[in-house]
Amino acid sequence: MHLRSALLLALVGASPLLVSAPAPAAEQVVFVSGAFRRSIPVADLDHLAKTGEARGLLADLIRLGRQQPQTVADLLNRSVSLPLVTTSRLLDTRIGGVALARVARILYPLQAPQAGVPAWGAATVLGINAGDGRLSPIGFLQAYPTTDLAVNLPALQAAINRVSALSDVVRVFLETDLGSNLGNGSPTPKP
């Protein structure tokens, strides 16, 4: 029932007047790879974001990843300013739908993977609304309309590999004569 309320809210433009009961927030981030599942409580992420102190499995993962807890806390607190109405409208376009569908293959409701697109749209709009025009990873999780957010590790790794490959292509292009001419504003000489 709460999921339907949150999804309806996102579809009608996120008017705060239409909310009669708050939607549930994500309680667990569940990392999934085949039969492997490991959960991190959102409360531990929130604690890290507020205090800079990691606890539980999250502390172990940060240590294994050779990261500093404060660096991860800073990432969790980093927010972007997004206009609520414009963002809501953009998410309702074909381009927005395609972007949401791609992300929803990686991050989706654990018990209802097919609801990933509307869940992402709802969490984005509700998170911006709750954050007074700003959205952070913690704000997103607090607005996510289901209790368990799954992270598909193989899909995440594939996306990271694609971004890395694209980054390499852009770097190589910028190192060529054509790419170096982009910075100085001069036209490329014709043969």
N, C-alpha and C. Protein backbone atom coordinates (compact mmCIF):
# COMPACT_ATOMS: atom_id res chain seq x y z
N MET A 1 0.82 -1.18 0.00
CA MET A 1 0.00 0.00 0.00
C MET A 1 0.86 1.24 0.00
N HIS A 2 1.91 1.27 0.83
CA HIS A 2 2.78 2.44 0.86
C HIS A 2 3.51 2.62 -0.46
N LEU A 3 3.93 1.51 -1.11
CA LEU A 3 4.62 1.60 -2.39
C LEU A 3 3.71 2.23 -3.42
N ARG A 4 2.44 1.83 -3.47
CA ARG A 4 1.50 2.43 -4.42
C ARG A 4 1.32 3.91 -4.17
N SER A 5 1.25 4.30 -2.90
CA SER A 5 1.09 5.72 -2.56
C SER A 5 2.28 6.53 -3.06
N ALA A 6 3.48 5.99 -2.85
CA ALA A 6 4.69 6.70 -3.27
C ALA A 6 4.77 6.78 -4.79
N LEU A 7 4.42 5.71 -5.47
CA LEU A 7 4.48 5.70 -6.93
C LEU A 7 3.45 6.64 -7.51
N LEU A 8 2.25 6.66 -6.95
CA LEU A 8 1.21 7.58 -7.40
C LEU A 8 1.67 9.01 -7.21
N LEU A 9 2.30 9.28 -6.09
CA LEU A 9 2.81 10.61 -5.81
C LEU A 9 3.80 11.06 -6.87
N ALA A 10 4.70 10.19 -7.26
CA ALA A 10 5.68 10.54 -8.29
C ALA A 10 5.01 10.79 -9.62
N LEU A 11 3.99 10.02 -9.95
CA LEU A 11 3.33 10.15 -11.24
C LEU A 11 2.52 11.43 -11.37
N VAL A 12 1.99 11.95 -10.29
CA VAL A 12 1.17 13.15 -10.38
C VAL A 12 1.96 14.42 -10.08
N GLY A 13 3.26 14.34 -10.04
CA GLY A 13 4.07 15.53 -9.90
C GLY A 13 4.55 15.81 -8.49
N ALA A 14 4.36 14.88 -7.60
CA ALA A 14 4.91 14.97 -6.25
C ALA A 14 4.32 16.12 -5.44
N SER A 15 3.08 16.37 -5.57
CA SER A 15 2.45 17.41 -4.78
C SER A 15 2.39 16.98 -3.33
N PRO A 16 3.00 17.77 -2.42
CA PRO A 16 3.00 17.39 -1.01
C PRO A 16 1.59 17.33 -0.42
N LEU A 17 0.64 17.99 -1.03
CA LEU A 17 -0.72 17.99 -0.51
C LEU A 17 -1.40 16.64 -0.67
N LEU A 18 -0.90 15.79 -1.57
CA LEU A 18 -1.53 14.51 -1.84
C LEU A 18 -1.05 13.40 -0.91
N VAL A 19 -0.03 13.66 -0.12
CA VAL A 19 0.54 12.63 0.75
C VAL A 19 -0.30 12.53 2.01
N SER A 20 -0.88 11.36 2.24
CA SER A 20 -1.67 11.17 3.45
C SER A 20 -0.88 10.41 4.51
N ALA A 21 0.03 9.55 4.09
CA ALA A 21 0.86 8.79 5.02
C ALA A 21 2.26 8.69 4.42
N PRO A 22 3.28 8.81 5.25
CA PRO A 22 4.63 8.73 4.70
C PRO A 22 4.92 7.35 4.13
N ALA A 23 5.69 7.33 3.06
CA ALA A 23 6.10 6.07 2.45
C ALA A 23 7.21 5.47 3.30
N PRO A 24 7.36 4.14 3.28
CA PRO A 24 8.47 3.54 4.03
C PRO A 24 9.79 3.94 3.38
N ALA A 25 10.81 3.96 4.17
CA ALA A 25 12.14 4.26 3.66
C ALA A 25 12.91 2.95 3.57
N ALA A 26 13.98 2.98 2.78
CA ALA A 26 14.84 1.80 2.70
C ALA A 26 15.44 1.54 4.08
N GLU A 27 15.40 0.29 4.49
CA GLU A 27 15.99 -0.11 5.76
C GLU A 27 17.28 -0.88 5.56
N GLN A 28 17.41 -1.53 4.40
CA GLN A 28 18.59 -2.35 4.10
C GLN A 28 19.04 -2.07 2.66
N VAL A 29 20.34 -2.01 2.46
CA VAL A 29 20.91 -2.06 1.13
C VAL A 29 21.47 -3.47 1.01
N VAL A 30 20.92 -4.22 0.05
CA VAL A 30 21.24 -5.64 -0.08
C VAL A 30 22.10 -5.84 -1.33
N PHE A 31 23.33 -6.26 -1.13
CA PHE A 31 24.22 -6.53 -2.25
C PHE A 31 23.98 -7.95 -2.72
N VAL A 32 23.70 -8.10 -4.03
CA VAL A 32 23.29 -9.39 -4.59
C VAL A 32 24.22 -9.77 -5.74
N SER A 33 24.67 -11.02 -5.71
CA SER A 33 25.44 -11.58 -6.82
C SER A 33 25.11 -13.08 -6.85
N GLY A 34 24.21 -13.46 -7.74
CA GLY A 34 23.75 -14.85 -7.78
C GLY A 34 23.08 -15.21 -6.48
N ALA A 35 23.56 -16.26 -5.83
CA ALA A 35 22.98 -16.68 -4.55
C ALA A 35 23.53 -15.90 -3.37
N PHE A 36 24.58 -15.14 -3.58
CA PHE A 36 25.20 -14.36 -2.52
C PHE A 36 24.36 -13.12 -2.21
N ARG A 37 24.11 -12.87 -0.92
CA ARG A 37 23.41 -11.67 -0.47
C ARG A 37 24.04 -11.20 0.83
N ARG A 38 24.32 -9.93 0.90
CA ARG A 38 24.84 -9.34 2.12
C ARG A 38 24.16 -7.98 2.29
N SER A 39 23.63 -7.73 3.49
CA SER A 39 22.87 -6.51 3.75
C SER A 39 23.63 -5.56 4.68
N ILE A 40 23.46 -4.28 4.38
CA ILE A 40 23.96 -3.22 5.26
C ILE A 40 22.75 -2.39 5.67
N PRO A 41 22.52 -2.24 6.97
CA PRO A 41 21.40 -1.42 7.40
C PRO A 41 21.60 0.05 6.99
N VAL A 42 20.54 0.65 6.50
CA VAL A 42 20.59 2.07 6.14
C VAL A 42 20.90 2.90 7.39
N ALA A 43 20.47 2.41 8.54
CA ALA A 43 20.78 3.11 9.79
C ALA A 43 22.29 3.22 9.99
N ASP A 44 23.06 2.20 9.57
CA ASP A 44 24.52 2.27 9.68
C ASP A 44 25.10 3.29 8.70
N LEU A 45 24.51 3.37 7.51
CA LEU A 45 24.95 4.37 6.54
C LEU A 45 24.62 5.77 7.06
N ASP A 46 23.44 5.94 7.62
CA ASP A 46 23.03 7.22 8.18
C ASP A 46 23.94 7.61 9.34
N HIS A 47 24.26 6.64 10.20
CA HIS A 47 25.17 6.90 11.32
C HIS A 47 26.54 7.35 10.80
N LEU A 48 27.04 6.68 9.79
CA LEU A 48 28.32 7.07 9.20
C LEU A 48 28.24 8.49 8.63
N ALA A 49 27.14 8.79 7.92
CA ALA A 49 26.98 10.11 7.33
C ALA A 49 26.95 11.21 8.39
N LYS A 50 26.32 10.92 9.52
CA LYS A 50 26.18 11.94 10.58
C LYS A 50 27.41 12.07 11.45
N THR A 51 28.10 10.96 11.69
CA THR A 51 29.20 10.99 12.67
C THR A 51 30.58 10.80 12.07
N GLY A 52 30.66 10.25 10.85
CA GLY A 52 31.96 9.92 10.28
C GLY A 52 32.51 8.62 10.84
N GLU A 53 31.71 7.92 11.65
CA GLU A 53 32.13 6.68 12.30
C GLU A 53 31.37 5.50 11.68
N ALA A 54 32.13 4.52 11.18
CA ALA A 54 31.52 3.33 10.59
C ALA A 54 31.36 2.26 11.66
N ARG A 55 30.29 1.48 11.52
CA ARG A 55 30.05 0.40 12.47
C ARG A 55 29.57 -0.84 11.73
N GLY A 56 29.70 -1.99 12.41
CA GLY A 56 29.20 -3.24 11.87
C GLY A 56 29.90 -3.67 10.59
N LEU A 57 29.15 -4.33 9.72
CA LEU A 57 29.67 -4.81 8.44
C LEU A 57 30.19 -3.66 7.59
N LEU A 58 29.54 -2.51 7.69
CA LEU A 58 29.98 -1.34 6.93
C LEU A 58 31.42 -0.96 7.29
N ALA A 59 31.76 -1.02 8.57
CA ALA A 59 33.13 -0.71 9.00
C ALA A 59 34.11 -1.70 8.38
N ASP A 60 33.71 -2.98 8.35
CA ASP A 60 34.57 -4.00 7.76
C ASP A 60 34.77 -3.76 6.26
N LEU A 61 33.69 -3.43 5.56
CA LEU A 61 33.78 -3.18 4.12
C LEU A 61 34.64 -1.96 3.80
N ILE A 62 34.50 -0.92 4.59
CA ILE A 62 35.31 0.28 4.38
C ILE A 62 36.78 -0.05 4.61
N ARG A 63 37.05 -0.79 5.65
CA ARG A 63 38.44 -1.19 5.95
C ARG A 63 39.00 -2.06 4.82
N LEU A 64 38.21 -3.06 4.35
CA LEU A 64 38.67 -3.94 3.27
C LEU A 64 38.87 -3.16 1.97
N GLY A 65 38.07 -2.15 1.77
CA GLY A 65 38.20 -1.33 0.57
C GLY A 65 39.28 -0.27 0.68
N ARG A 66 39.96 -0.27 1.83
CA ARG A 66 41.05 0.68 2.08
C ARG A 66 40.60 2.13 1.91
N GLN A 67 39.41 2.41 2.44
CA GLN A 67 38.85 3.75 2.40
C GLN A 67 38.85 4.33 3.81
N GLN A 68 38.75 5.63 3.89
CA GLN A 68 38.61 6.30 5.16
C GLN A 68 37.12 6.51 5.43
N PRO A 69 36.64 6.22 6.64
CA PRO A 69 35.22 6.41 6.93
C PRO A 69 34.73 7.82 6.62
N GLN A 70 35.53 8.84 6.91
CA GLN A 70 35.10 10.21 6.66
C GLN A 70 34.93 10.48 5.17
N THR A 71 35.75 9.85 4.34
CA THR A 71 35.62 10.01 2.89
C THR A 71 34.28 9.43 2.42
N VAL A 72 33.92 8.27 2.93
CA VAL A 72 32.64 7.65 2.58
C VAL A 72 31.50 8.50 3.13
N ALA A 73 31.64 9.00 4.34
CA ALA A 73 30.62 9.87 4.94
C ALA A 73 30.40 11.11 4.07
N ASP A 74 31.48 11.68 3.60
CA ASP A 74 31.37 12.86 2.73
C ASP A 74 30.60 12.53 1.45
N LEU A 75 30.85 11.35 0.88
CA LEU A 75 30.12 10.94 -0.32
C LEU A 75 28.63 10.76 -0.02
N LEU A 76 28.30 10.18 1.12
CA LEU A 76 26.91 9.96 1.50
C LEU A 76 26.17 11.29 1.72
N ASN A 77 26.90 12.30 2.14
CA ASN A 77 26.30 13.61 2.43
C ASN A 77 26.32 14.56 1.23
N ARG A 78 27.09 14.21 0.21
CA ARG A 78 27.19 15.10 -0.95
C ARG A 78 25.82 15.20 -1.61
N SER A 79 25.38 16.41 -1.84
CA SER A 79 24.05 16.58 -2.43
C SER A 79 24.14 17.45 -3.67
N VAL A 80 23.14 17.31 -4.49
CA VAL A 80 23.02 18.14 -5.69
C VAL A 80 21.70 18.88 -5.62
N SER A 81 21.70 20.07 -6.14
CA SER A 81 20.49 20.87 -6.19
C SER A 81 19.72 20.49 -7.45
N LEU A 82 18.45 20.13 -7.28
CA LEU A 82 17.61 19.72 -8.40
C LEU A 82 16.25 20.39 -8.28
N PRO A 83 15.78 21.05 -9.33
CA PRO A 83 14.44 21.64 -9.27
C PRO A 83 13.40 20.52 -9.31
N LEU A 84 12.51 20.52 -8.34
CA LEU A 84 11.55 19.44 -8.17
C LEU A 84 10.66 19.23 -9.39
N VAL A 85 10.01 20.26 -9.86
CA VAL A 85 9.06 20.12 -10.96
C VAL A 85 9.78 19.73 -12.25
N THR A 86 10.89 20.37 -12.54
CA THR A 86 11.64 20.05 -13.77
C THR A 86 12.16 18.62 -13.73
N THR A 87 12.69 18.20 -12.59
CA THR A 87 13.19 16.83 -12.46
C THR A 87 12.06 15.82 -12.63
N SER A 88 10.93 16.09 -12.00
CA SER A 88 9.78 15.20 -12.12
C SER A 88 9.34 15.08 -13.58
N ARG A 89 9.29 16.20 -14.26
CA ARG A 89 8.89 16.19 -15.68
C ARG A 89 9.92 15.45 -16.53
N LEU A 90 11.20 15.68 -16.26
CA LEU A 90 12.25 15.00 -17.02
C LEU A 90 12.16 13.49 -16.83
N LEU A 91 11.93 13.04 -15.61
CA LEU A 91 11.82 11.61 -15.35
C LEU A 91 10.64 10.99 -16.08
N ASP A 92 9.65 11.80 -16.42
CA ASP A 92 8.46 11.31 -17.11
C ASP A 92 8.60 11.33 -18.63
N THR A 93 9.77 11.73 -19.15
CA THR A 93 10.00 11.72 -20.59
C THR A 93 10.58 10.38 -21.01
N ARG A 94 10.68 10.19 -22.31
CA ARG A 94 11.26 8.94 -22.82
C ARG A 94 12.73 8.82 -22.40
N ILE A 95 13.47 9.93 -22.48
CA ILE A 95 14.88 9.91 -22.08
C ILE A 95 14.99 9.59 -20.60
N GLY A 96 14.15 10.22 -19.78
CA GLY A 96 14.16 9.93 -18.35
C GLY A 96 13.82 8.48 -18.07
N GLY A 97 12.85 7.94 -18.80
CA GLY A 97 12.47 6.54 -18.63
C GLY A 97 13.59 5.59 -18.98
N VAL A 98 14.32 5.91 -20.05
CA VAL A 98 15.45 5.07 -20.45
C VAL A 98 16.55 5.12 -19.38
N ALA A 99 16.84 6.33 -18.88
CA ALA A 99 17.86 6.46 -17.84
C ALA A 99 17.46 5.69 -16.59
N LEU A 100 16.20 5.84 -16.18
CA LEU A 100 15.72 5.12 -14.99
C LEU A 100 15.78 3.61 -15.21
N ALA A 101 15.43 3.15 -16.40
CA ALA A 101 15.45 1.71 -16.69
C ALA A 101 16.87 1.15 -16.59
N ARG A 102 17.85 1.92 -17.05
CA ARG A 102 19.24 1.46 -16.97
C ARG A 102 19.71 1.36 -15.53
N VAL A 103 19.39 2.38 -14.75
CA VAL A 103 19.80 2.38 -13.35
C VAL A 103 19.04 1.30 -12.58
N ALA A 104 17.77 1.09 -12.94
CA ALA A 104 16.94 0.10 -12.23
C ALA A 104 17.37 -1.33 -12.50
N ARG A 105 18.26 -1.57 -13.45
CA ARG A 105 18.83 -2.91 -13.64
C ARG A 105 19.91 -3.18 -12.59
N ILE A 106 20.44 -2.10 -12.03
CA ILE A 106 21.50 -2.22 -11.04
C ILE A 106 20.95 -2.11 -9.62
N LEU A 107 20.06 -1.16 -9.40
CA LEU A 107 19.48 -0.89 -8.08
C LEU A 107 17.97 -0.98 -8.20
N TYR A 108 17.36 -1.84 -7.41
CA TYR A 108 15.92 -2.07 -7.55
C TYR A 108 15.36 -2.64 -6.24
N PRO A 109 14.03 -2.59 -6.07
CA PRO A 109 13.44 -3.19 -4.87
C PRO A 109 13.72 -4.70 -4.86
N LEU A 110 14.24 -5.20 -3.76
CA LEU A 110 14.63 -6.60 -3.67
C LEU A 110 13.47 -7.55 -3.97
N GLN A 111 12.32 -7.29 -3.41
CA GLN A 111 11.18 -8.19 -3.57
C GLN A 111 10.37 -7.94 -4.84
N ALA A 112 10.64 -6.84 -5.54
CA ALA A 112 9.87 -6.51 -6.75
C ALA A 112 10.78 -5.83 -7.77
N PRO A 113 11.73 -6.58 -8.36
CA PRO A 113 12.68 -5.96 -9.29
C PRO A 113 12.00 -5.22 -10.45
N GLN A 114 10.83 -5.69 -10.86
CA GLN A 114 10.13 -5.06 -11.98
C GLN A 114 9.63 -3.66 -11.61
N ALA A 115 9.61 -3.30 -10.35
CA ALA A 115 9.16 -1.98 -9.91
C ALA A 115 10.32 -1.01 -9.74
N GLY A 116 11.46 -1.35 -10.30
CA GLY A 116 12.65 -0.50 -10.15
C GLY A 116 12.48 0.90 -10.71
N VAL A 117 11.90 1.01 -11.90
CA VAL A 117 11.76 2.33 -12.53
C VAL A 117 10.86 3.24 -11.71
N PRO A 118 9.64 2.81 -11.36
CA PRO A 118 8.82 3.72 -10.56
C PRO A 118 9.40 3.97 -9.16
N ALA A 119 10.09 3.00 -8.60
CA ALA A 119 10.69 3.20 -7.28
C ALA A 119 11.78 4.27 -7.35
N TRP A 120 12.60 4.23 -8.41
CA TRP A 120 13.64 5.23 -8.59
C TRP A 120 13.03 6.61 -8.78
N GLY A 121 12.00 6.68 -9.62
CA GLY A 121 11.34 7.97 -9.85
C GLY A 121 10.76 8.52 -8.56
N ALA A 122 10.07 7.66 -7.80
CA ALA A 122 9.46 8.10 -6.55
C ALA A 122 10.52 8.56 -5.55
N ALA A 123 11.59 7.79 -5.39
CA ALA A 123 12.63 8.14 -4.43
C ALA A 123 13.32 9.45 -4.82
N THR A 124 13.51 9.66 -6.10
CA THR A 124 14.15 10.89 -6.55
C THR A 124 13.27 12.09 -6.23
N VAL A 125 12.00 12.02 -6.61
CA VAL A 125 11.09 13.14 -6.40
C VAL A 125 10.84 13.36 -4.91
N LEU A 126 10.57 12.29 -4.17
CA LEU A 126 10.33 12.43 -2.74
C LEU A 126 11.58 12.92 -2.00
N GLY A 127 12.75 12.44 -2.42
CA GLY A 127 14.00 12.87 -1.79
C GLY A 127 14.29 14.34 -2.03
N ILE A 128 14.04 14.82 -3.25
CA ILE A 128 14.22 16.25 -3.56
C ILE A 128 13.24 17.07 -2.72
N ASN A 129 12.00 16.62 -2.64
CA ASN A 129 11.00 17.34 -1.87
C ASN A 129 11.39 17.41 -0.39
N ALA A 130 11.81 16.29 0.18
CA ALA A 130 12.20 16.25 1.59
C ALA A 130 13.47 17.06 1.84
N GLY A 131 14.35 17.13 0.84
CA GLY A 131 15.61 17.85 0.97
C GLY A 131 15.53 19.31 0.56
N ASP A 132 14.31 19.83 0.40
CA ASP A 132 14.13 21.23 0.00
C ASP A 132 14.93 21.58 -1.25
N GLY A 133 14.81 20.73 -2.26
CA GLY A 133 15.46 21.02 -3.54
C GLY A 133 16.85 20.43 -3.69
N ARG A 134 17.29 19.66 -2.71
CA ARG A 134 18.60 19.02 -2.78
C ARG A 134 18.41 17.52 -2.58
N LEU A 135 19.28 16.72 -3.21
CA LEU A 135 19.21 15.27 -3.07
C LEU A 135 20.60 14.72 -2.82
N SER A 136 20.71 13.91 -1.77
CA SER A 136 21.96 13.23 -1.43
C SER A 136 21.69 11.73 -1.43
N PRO A 137 22.73 10.92 -1.43
CA PRO A 137 22.50 9.47 -1.33
C PRO A 137 21.68 9.08 -0.10
N ILE A 138 21.95 9.69 1.04
CA ILE A 138 21.19 9.38 2.25
C ILE A 138 19.75 9.84 2.09
N GLY A 139 19.54 11.02 1.52
CA GLY A 139 18.18 11.50 1.28
C GLY A 139 17.42 10.59 0.33
N PHE A 140 18.12 10.07 -0.68
CA PHE A 140 17.51 9.14 -1.62
C PHE A 140 17.06 7.87 -0.89
N LEU A 141 17.95 7.30 -0.07
CA LEU A 141 17.61 6.07 0.66
C LEU A 141 16.45 6.30 1.63
N GLN A 142 16.42 7.47 2.26
CA GLN A 142 15.34 7.76 3.19
C GLN A 142 14.01 7.95 2.47
N ALA A 143 14.05 8.23 1.17
CA ALA A 143 12.83 8.41 0.38
C ALA A 143 12.48 7.17 -0.44
N TYR A 144 13.36 6.17 -0.47
CA TYR A 144 13.13 5.00 -1.30
C TYR A 144 11.88 4.27 -0.80
N PRO A 145 10.92 3.98 -1.68
CA PRO A 145 9.61 3.51 -1.22
C PRO A 145 9.48 2.03 -0.87
N THR A 146 10.57 1.31 -0.76
CA THR A 146 10.52 -0.07 -0.27
C THR A 146 11.61 -0.25 0.78
N THR A 147 11.48 -1.26 1.60
CA THR A 147 12.41 -1.42 2.72
C THR A 147 13.76 -2.00 2.32
N ASP A 148 13.82 -2.73 1.21
CA ASP A 148 15.09 -3.36 0.80
C ASP A 148 15.48 -2.93 -0.61
N LEU A 149 16.60 -2.23 -0.71
CA LEU A 149 17.14 -1.79 -1.99
C LEU A 149 18.23 -2.76 -2.39
N ALA A 150 18.02 -3.49 -3.48
CA ALA A 150 19.00 -4.46 -3.96
C ALA A 150 20.02 -3.77 -4.85
N VAL A 151 21.27 -4.17 -4.73
CA VAL A 151 22.35 -3.71 -5.60
C VAL A 151 22.87 -4.95 -6.32
N ASN A 152 22.62 -5.02 -7.63
CA ASN A 152 23.07 -6.14 -8.45
C ASN A 152 24.55 -5.94 -8.73
N LEU A 153 25.42 -6.65 -8.02
CA LEU A 153 26.87 -6.44 -8.13
C LEU A 153 27.41 -6.70 -9.54
N PRO A 154 27.03 -7.79 -10.23
CA PRO A 154 27.54 -7.98 -11.59
C PRO A 154 27.11 -6.85 -12.54
N ALA A 155 25.87 -6.38 -12.42
CA ALA A 155 25.41 -5.29 -13.28
C ALA A 155 26.14 -3.99 -12.93
N LEU A 156 26.40 -3.78 -11.65
CA LEU A 156 27.15 -2.59 -11.23
C LEU A 156 28.57 -2.63 -11.79
N GLN A 157 29.22 -3.79 -11.71
CA GLN A 157 30.57 -3.92 -12.24
C GLN A 157 30.59 -3.70 -13.75
N ALA A 158 29.60 -4.22 -14.46
CA ALA A 158 29.52 -4.01 -15.91
C ALA A 158 29.35 -2.53 -16.23
N ALA A 159 28.53 -1.83 -15.46
CA ALA A 159 28.34 -0.39 -15.69
C ALA A 159 29.63 0.37 -15.43
N ILE A 160 30.33 0.02 -14.36
CA ILE A 160 31.61 0.66 -14.05
C ILE A 160 32.60 0.41 -15.18
N ASN A 161 32.63 -0.80 -15.71
CA ASN A 161 33.54 -1.12 -16.81
C ASN A 161 33.20 -0.30 -18.06
N ARG A 162 31.89 -0.13 -18.35
CA ARG A 162 31.49 0.68 -19.51
C ARG A 162 31.91 2.13 -19.34
N VAL A 163 31.70 2.67 -18.15
CA VAL A 163 32.10 4.06 -17.89
C VAL A 163 33.61 4.19 -18.01
N SER A 164 34.34 3.22 -17.49
CA SER A 164 35.79 3.26 -17.57
C SER A 164 36.25 3.20 -19.03
N ALA A 165 35.64 2.33 -19.82
CA ALA A 165 36.00 2.22 -21.24
C ALA A 165 35.68 3.51 -21.97
N LEU A 166 34.54 4.12 -21.68
CA LEU A 166 34.17 5.38 -22.31
C LEU A 166 35.15 6.48 -21.90
N SER A 167 35.54 6.47 -20.66
CA SER A 167 36.52 7.44 -20.16
C SER A 167 37.83 7.30 -20.92
N ASP A 168 38.25 6.06 -21.17
CA ASP A 168 39.49 5.83 -21.92
C ASP A 168 39.37 6.36 -23.35
N VAL A 169 38.23 6.15 -23.98
CA VAL A 169 38.02 6.64 -25.35
C VAL A 169 38.09 8.15 -25.38
N VAL A 170 37.44 8.82 -24.41
CA VAL A 170 37.46 10.28 -24.36
C VAL A 170 38.88 10.78 -24.12
N ARG A 171 39.61 10.12 -23.21
CA ARG A 171 40.99 10.53 -22.93
C ARG A 171 41.86 10.41 -24.17
N VAL A 172 41.75 9.30 -24.89
CA VAL A 172 42.55 9.10 -26.11
C VAL A 172 42.18 10.15 -27.14
N PHE A 173 40.89 10.45 -27.30
CA PHE A 173 40.44 11.46 -28.24
C PHE A 173 41.04 12.82 -27.89
N LEU A 174 40.98 13.18 -26.60
CA LEU A 174 41.49 14.49 -26.19
C LEU A 174 43.00 14.61 -26.37
N GLU A 175 43.69 13.48 -26.38
CA GLU A 175 45.14 13.49 -26.57
C GLU A 175 45.53 13.57 -28.04
N THR A 176 44.58 13.42 -28.95
CA THR A 176 44.87 13.52 -30.37
C THR A 176 44.92 14.98 -30.79
N ASP A 177 45.38 15.24 -32.01
CA ASP A 177 45.41 16.61 -32.52
C ASP A 177 44.01 17.21 -32.57
N LEU A 178 43.04 16.42 -32.99
CA LEU A 178 41.67 16.91 -33.08
C LEU A 178 41.17 17.32 -31.69
N GLY A 179 41.38 16.48 -30.71
CA GLY A 179 40.94 16.79 -29.35
C GLY A 179 41.67 17.98 -28.77
N SER A 180 42.96 18.12 -29.06
CA SER A 180 43.71 19.25 -28.51
C SER A 180 43.26 20.57 -29.12
N ASN A 181 42.70 20.54 -30.32
CA ASN A 181 42.19 21.77 -30.95
C ASN A 181 40.88 22.23 -30.34
N LEU A 182 40.19 21.37 -29.64
CA LEU A 182 38.92 21.75 -29.03
C LEU A 182 39.12 22.80 -27.95
N GLY A 183 40.21 22.72 -27.23
CA GLY A 183 40.45 23.63 -26.12
C GLY A 183 40.79 25.04 -26.53
N ASN A 184 41.38 25.24 -27.71
CA ASN A 184 41.79 26.59 -28.08
C ASN A 184 40.79 27.31 -28.97
N GLY A 185 39.73 26.66 -29.34
CA GLY A 185 38.68 27.30 -30.11
C GLY A 185 39.00 27.50 -31.58
N SER A 186 40.17 27.10 -32.03
CA SER A 186 40.50 27.27 -33.45
C SER A 186 39.94 26.12 -34.25
N PRO A 187 39.48 26.42 -35.46
CA PRO A 187 38.95 25.33 -36.29
C PRO A 187 40.03 24.36 -36.70
N THR A 188 39.62 23.15 -36.94
CA THR A 188 40.54 22.11 -37.41
C THR A 188 40.88 22.39 -38.87
N PRO A 189 42.17 22.43 -39.21
CA PRO A 189 42.55 22.70 -40.60
C PRO A 189 42.02 21.63 -41.53
N LYS A 190 41.59 22.07 -42.70
CA LYS A 190 41.10 21.13 -43.71
C LYS A 190 42.25 20.75 -44.62
N PRO A 191 42.30 19.47 -45.05
CA PRO A 191 43.42 19.03 -45.91
C PRO A 191 43.34 19.62 -47.29
